[in-house]
Amino acid sequence: MLYDLIIVGDKVKAVGKCRQCKKEYETKPFTHSAYLDWKRGLTPIQNTLLGKELEAHDREFLISGISPVGWSQLDI
């Protein structure tokens, strides 16, 4: 797994090393049930509560394991 889910109150956050820059990154807290709906393929990530709770860079980390710093290092 690219990251671990850490419980924060009634939500969770993803914490892990960026696949590109290898620095630790953590998302803002989000609803675990929305995360599970996305992981199970029930809804696209931007259409779940994650889309409302998280900014694009946090959703991208969940999808790819690459943080904003890591993306800035890529020459694309």
C-alpha atoms as a PDB file:
ATOM      1  CA  MET A   1       0.000   0.000   0.000  1.00  0.00           C
ATOM      2  CA  LEU A   2       1.220   3.478  -0.827  1.00  0.00           C
ATOM      3  CA  TYR A   3      -0.015   4.991   2.419  1.00  0.00           C
ATOM      4  CA  ASP A   4      -1.576   4.175   5.770  1.00  0.00           C
ATOM      5  CA  LEU A   5      -4.932   5.447   6.968  1.00  0.00           C
ATOM      6  CA  ILE A   6      -4.682   7.130  10.373  1.00  0.00           C
ATOM      7  CA  ILE A   7      -7.778   7.758  12.496  1.00  0.00           C
ATOM      8  CA  VAL A   8      -8.361  11.428  13.317  1.00  0.00           C
ATOM      9  CA  GLY A   9     -11.492  11.826  15.424  1.00  0.00           C
ATOM     10  CA  ASP A  10     -14.398  10.560  13.326  1.00  0.00           C
ATOM     11  CA  LYS A  11     -12.381  10.722  10.090  1.00  0.00           C
ATOM     12  CA  VAL A  12      -9.142   9.321   8.670  1.00  0.00           C
ATOM     13  CA  LYS A  13      -6.174  10.768   6.820  1.00  0.00           C
ATOM     14  CA  ALA A  14      -3.678   9.137   4.476  1.00  0.00           C
ATOM     15  CA  VAL A  15      -0.003   9.253   5.476  1.00  0.00           C
ATOM     16  CA  GLY A  16       2.818   7.859   3.387  1.00  0.00           C
ATOM     17  CA  LYS A  17       5.981   8.503   1.404  1.00  0.00           C
ATOM     18  CA  CYS A  18       5.617  10.136  -1.970  1.00  0.00           C
ATOM     19  CA  ARG A  19       6.538   7.708  -4.771  1.00  0.00           C
ATOM     20  CA  GLN A  20       8.483  10.469  -6.548  1.00  0.00           C
ATOM     21  CA  CYS A  21      10.304  12.585  -3.945  1.00  0.00           C
ATOM     22  CA  LYS A  22      10.220  10.005  -1.099  1.00  0.00           C
ATOM     23  CA  LYS A  23       9.168  12.661   1.448  1.00  0.00           C
ATOM     24  CA  GLU A  24       6.345  11.899   3.861  1.00  0.00           C
ATOM     25  CA  TYR A  25       3.015  13.444   2.947  1.00  0.00           C
ATOM     26  CA  GLU A  26      -0.351  13.487   4.673  1.00  0.00           C
ATOM     27  CA  THR A  27      -3.763  14.469   3.409  1.00  0.00           C
ATOM     28  CA  LYS A  28      -6.390  16.451   5.222  1.00  0.00           C
ATOM     29  CA  PRO A  29      -8.852  14.267   7.175  1.00  0.00           C
ATOM     30  CA  PHE A  30     -11.701  12.713   5.191  1.00  0.00           C
ATOM     31  CA  THR A  31     -14.692  10.400   5.659  1.00  0.00           C
ATOM     32  CA  HIS A  32     -13.685   6.739   5.745  1.00  0.00           C
ATOM     33  CA  SER A  33     -16.961   5.496   4.241  1.00  0.00           C
ATOM     34  CA  ALA A  34     -16.492   7.769   1.206  1.00  0.00           C
ATOM     35  CA  TYR A  35     -12.959   6.410   0.801  1.00  0.00           C
ATOM     36  CA  LEU A  36     -14.301   2.846   0.881  1.00  0.00           C
ATOM     37  CA  ASP A  37     -16.964   3.676  -1.729  1.00  0.00           C
ATOM     38  CA  TRP A  38     -14.229   4.972  -4.024  1.00  0.00           C
ATOM     39  CA  LYS A  39     -11.889   2.021  -3.390  1.00  0.00           C
ATOM     40  CA  ARG A  40     -14.723  -0.445  -4.089  1.00  0.00           C
ATOM     41  CA  GLY A  41     -15.390   1.296  -7.400  1.00  0.00           C
ATOM     42  CA  LEU A  42     -18.855   2.443  -6.400  1.00  0.00           C
ATOM     43  CA  THR A  43     -18.224   6.104  -7.210  1.00  0.00           C
ATOM     44  CA  PRO A  44     -15.463   8.152  -8.866  1.00  0.00           C
ATOM     45  CA  ILE A  45     -13.231   9.877  -6.316  1.00  0.00           C
ATOM     46  CA  GLN A  46     -14.330  13.374  -7.360  1.00  0.00           C
ATOM     47  CA  ASN A  47     -18.014  12.396  -6.954  1.00  0.00           C
ATOM     48  CA  THR A  48     -17.748  10.970  -3.432  1.00  0.00           C
ATOM     49  CA  LEU A  49     -17.541  13.008  -0.278  1.00  0.00           C
ATOM     50  CA  LEU A  50     -13.797  12.920  -0.924  1.00  0.00           C
ATOM     51  CA  GLY A  51     -14.384  15.313  -3.796  1.00  0.00           C
ATOM     52  CA  LYS A  52     -15.923  17.807  -1.396  1.00  0.00           C
ATOM     53  CA  GLU A  53     -13.606  17.147   1.561  1.00  0.00           C
ATOM     54  CA  LEU A  54     -10.266  17.018  -0.229  1.00  0.00           C
ATOM     55  CA  GLU A  55      -8.538  19.291  -2.686  1.00  0.00           C
ATOM     56  CA  ALA A  56      -7.267  17.868  -5.969  1.00  0.00           C
ATOM     57  CA  HIS A  57      -3.689  17.391  -4.726  1.00  0.00           C
ATOM     58  CA  ASP A  58      -4.858  15.221  -1.812  1.00  0.00           C
ATOM     59  CA  ARG A  59      -7.092  13.151  -4.098  1.00  0.00           C
ATOM     60  CA  GLU A  60      -4.158  12.741  -6.484  1.00  0.00           C
ATOM     61  CA  PHE A  61      -2.009  11.419  -3.639  1.00  0.00           C
ATOM     62  CA  LEU A  62      -4.692   8.813  -2.874  1.00  0.00           C
ATOM     63  CA  ILE A  63      -4.792   7.797  -6.542  1.00  0.00           C
ATOM     64  CA  SER A  64      -1.117   7.835  -7.505  1.00  0.00           C
ATOM     65  CA  GLY A  65       0.918   8.114  -4.307  1.00  0.00           C
ATOM     66  CA  ILE A  66       2.564  11.272  -5.639  1.00  0.00           C
ATOM     67  CA  SER A  67       2.511  14.431  -3.506  1.00  0.00           C
ATOM     68  CA  PRO A  68       2.423  18.021  -4.787  1.00  0.00           C
ATOM     69  CA  VAL A  69       6.212  18.257  -4.283  1.00  0.00           C
ATOM     70  CA  GLY A  70       6.664  15.033  -6.238  1.00  0.00           C
ATOM     71  CA  TRP A  71       4.529  16.306  -9.112  1.00  0.00           C
ATOM     72  CA  SER A  72       6.586  19.505  -9.260  1.00  0.00           C
ATOM     73  CA  GLN A  73       9.706  17.370  -9.770  1.00  0.00           C
ATOM     74  CA  LEU A  74       8.262  15.525 -12.755  1.00  0.00           C
ATOM     75  CA  ASP A  75       9.151  16.934 -16.152  1.00  0.00           C
ATOM     76  CA  ILE A  76       5.814  16.582 -17.949  1.00  0.00           C
END
